[in-house]
Amino acid sequence: MEPIEINAGSWYLRALRADERIDDRPALAEGGITDPDYVLRRNGQWDAETHYSWAVCEPTTAELVAEIVVTPSTDGSAEIAGWSRPGYTDALDAGLTAVHRFTEGALGLSPRRVD
């Protein structure tokens, strides 16, 4: 599956990026994620349909402020987890609401939030 962008009101969700235009790795490092292959792996998981991940972004700068990951299970459910940079819990909450709807509507899975 190709990554899907989601509008979450004041925030937008997109695939993680590390290219010449946008590099999410510095923001990910603020969240404790320092693996240089993390973005590449997350994008590969979209292709394999094993995990779906989104960068929750500030719409004017495209800066990653949170990340949400959906992990499908074989029983028709999906775990949804996320984290945010300090001061961006509102972005995470808005993103989680939108991803729950996507998980149910587009993926046909029953979402379970993991904290």
Protein backbone atom coordinates (compact mmCIF):
# COMPACT_ATOMS: atom_id res chain seq x y z
CA MET A 1 0.00 0.00 0.00
CA GLU A 2 1.20 3.51 -0.76
CA PRO A 3 1.33 5.90 2.22
CA ILE A 4 -1.89 7.85 2.70
CA GLU A 5 -1.97 11.48 3.83
CA ILE A 6 -4.64 12.40 6.38
CA ASN A 7 -6.04 15.81 7.29
CA ALA A 8 -6.50 16.13 11.06
CA GLY A 9 -7.91 19.64 11.34
CA SER A 10 -5.04 21.96 12.30
CA TRP A 11 -2.51 19.20 11.60
CA TYR A 12 -1.74 16.99 8.67
CA LEU A 13 -0.36 13.48 8.63
CA ARG A 14 2.05 12.18 6.03
CA ALA A 15 4.63 9.43 5.60
CA LEU A 16 7.96 9.91 7.31
CA ARG A 17 10.59 11.50 5.08
CA ALA A 18 14.35 11.85 4.88
CA ASP A 19 15.14 13.44 1.54
CA GLU A 20 16.45 16.67 0.07
CA ARG A 21 13.21 18.55 0.80
CA ILE A 22 12.16 17.25 4.23
CA ASP A 23 14.24 15.39 6.81
CA ASP A 24 12.32 14.07 9.82
CA ARG A 25 15.39 12.49 11.44
CA PRO A 26 16.28 15.48 13.68
CA ALA A 27 12.71 15.61 15.05
CA LEU A 28 12.69 11.82 15.48
CA ALA A 29 15.93 12.10 17.44
CA GLU A 30 14.16 14.49 19.83
CA GLY A 31 11.75 11.61 20.44
CA GLY A 32 14.63 9.22 21.13
CA ILE A 33 14.62 7.56 17.69
CA THR A 34 18.17 7.74 16.36
CA ASP A 35 18.34 4.74 14.01
CA PRO A 36 19.51 6.19 10.66
CA ASP A 37 17.42 3.59 8.76
CA TYR A 38 14.21 4.22 10.72
CA VAL A 39 12.48 6.29 8.02
CA LEU A 40 13.44 3.82 5.29
CA ARG A 41 12.17 0.90 7.40
CA ARG A 42 8.85 2.63 8.17
CA ASN A 43 8.28 3.34 4.48
CA GLY A 44 9.05 -0.29 3.63
CA GLN A 45 6.46 -1.38 6.19
CA TRP A 46 3.81 0.53 4.24
CA ASP A 47 4.76 -1.49 1.15
CA ALA A 48 4.64 -4.75 3.13
CA GLU A 49 1.42 -3.66 4.93
CA THR A 50 2.88 -4.71 8.29
CA HIS A 51 2.83 -1.26 9.93
CA TYR A 52 1.44 2.12 8.89
CA SER A 53 3.13 5.22 10.27
CA TRP A 54 2.50 8.93 10.05
CA ALA A 55 4.41 12.05 10.85
CA VAL A 56 1.97 14.48 12.46
CA CYS A 57 3.07 17.79 11.04
CA GLU A 58 2.77 21.52 11.48
CA PRO A 59 1.03 22.48 8.22
CA THR A 60 3.01 25.66 7.49
CA THR A 61 6.50 24.18 8.00
CA ALA A 62 5.90 20.42 7.49
CA GLU A 63 7.86 19.88 10.73
CA LEU A 64 7.22 16.55 12.47
CA VAL A 65 5.77 17.15 15.94
CA ALA A 66 4.46 13.62 16.64
CA GLU A 67 4.42 10.14 15.17
CA ILE A 68 1.61 7.58 15.04
CA VAL A 69 2.02 3.89 14.15
CA VAL A 70 -0.69 1.34 13.36
CA THR A 71 0.22 -2.34 13.69
CA PRO A 72 -2.39 -4.70 12.22
CA SER A 73 -3.07 -8.03 13.92
CA THR A 74 -4.27 -11.24 12.36
CA ASP A 75 -7.48 -11.11 14.44
CA GLY A 76 -8.90 -8.07 12.60
CA SER A 77 -7.72 -5.53 15.14
CA ALA A 78 -4.86 -3.03 15.09
CA GLU A 79 -2.72 -1.49 17.79
CA ILE A 80 -2.33 2.27 17.54
CA ALA A 81 0.52 3.97 19.35
CA GLY A 82 2.07 7.39 19.20
CA TRP A 83 4.37 9.88 20.83
CA SER A 84 4.81 13.63 20.60
CA ARG A 85 7.54 16.13 21.09
CA PRO A 86 7.15 18.27 24.23
CA GLY A 87 4.28 20.74 23.90
CA TYR A 88 2.50 18.89 21.08
CA THR A 89 0.09 16.55 22.85
CA ASP A 90 -2.79 18.35 21.10
CA ALA A 91 -1.30 17.40 17.73
CA LEU A 92 -0.91 13.80 18.85
CA ASP A 93 -4.51 13.66 20.12
CA ALA A 94 -5.89 15.12 16.87
CA GLY A 95 -3.77 12.72 14.85
CA LEU A 96 -4.84 9.71 16.89
CA THR A 97 -8.51 10.57 16.34
CA ALA A 98 -7.99 10.79 12.57
CA VAL A 99 -5.92 7.59 12.46
CA HIS A 100 -8.59 5.70 14.44
CA ARG A 101 -11.14 6.69 11.78
CA PHE A 102 -8.75 5.66 8.99
CA THR A 103 -8.01 2.33 10.67
CA GLU A 104 -11.71 1.50 10.93
CA GLY A 105 -12.93 2.98 7.66
CA ALA A 106 -10.11 2.40 5.19
CA LEU A 107 -8.35 -0.61 6.68
CA GLY A 108 -11.45 -2.31 8.11
CA LEU A 109 -9.69 -3.02 11.41
CA SER A 110 -10.80 -2.50 15.03
CA PRO A 111 -8.39 -0.01 16.59
CA ARG A 112 -6.86 -0.49 20.04
CA ARG A 113 -4.85 2.37 21.48
CA VAL A 114 -1.58 1.43 23.16
CA ASP A 115 -0.09 3.95 25.57
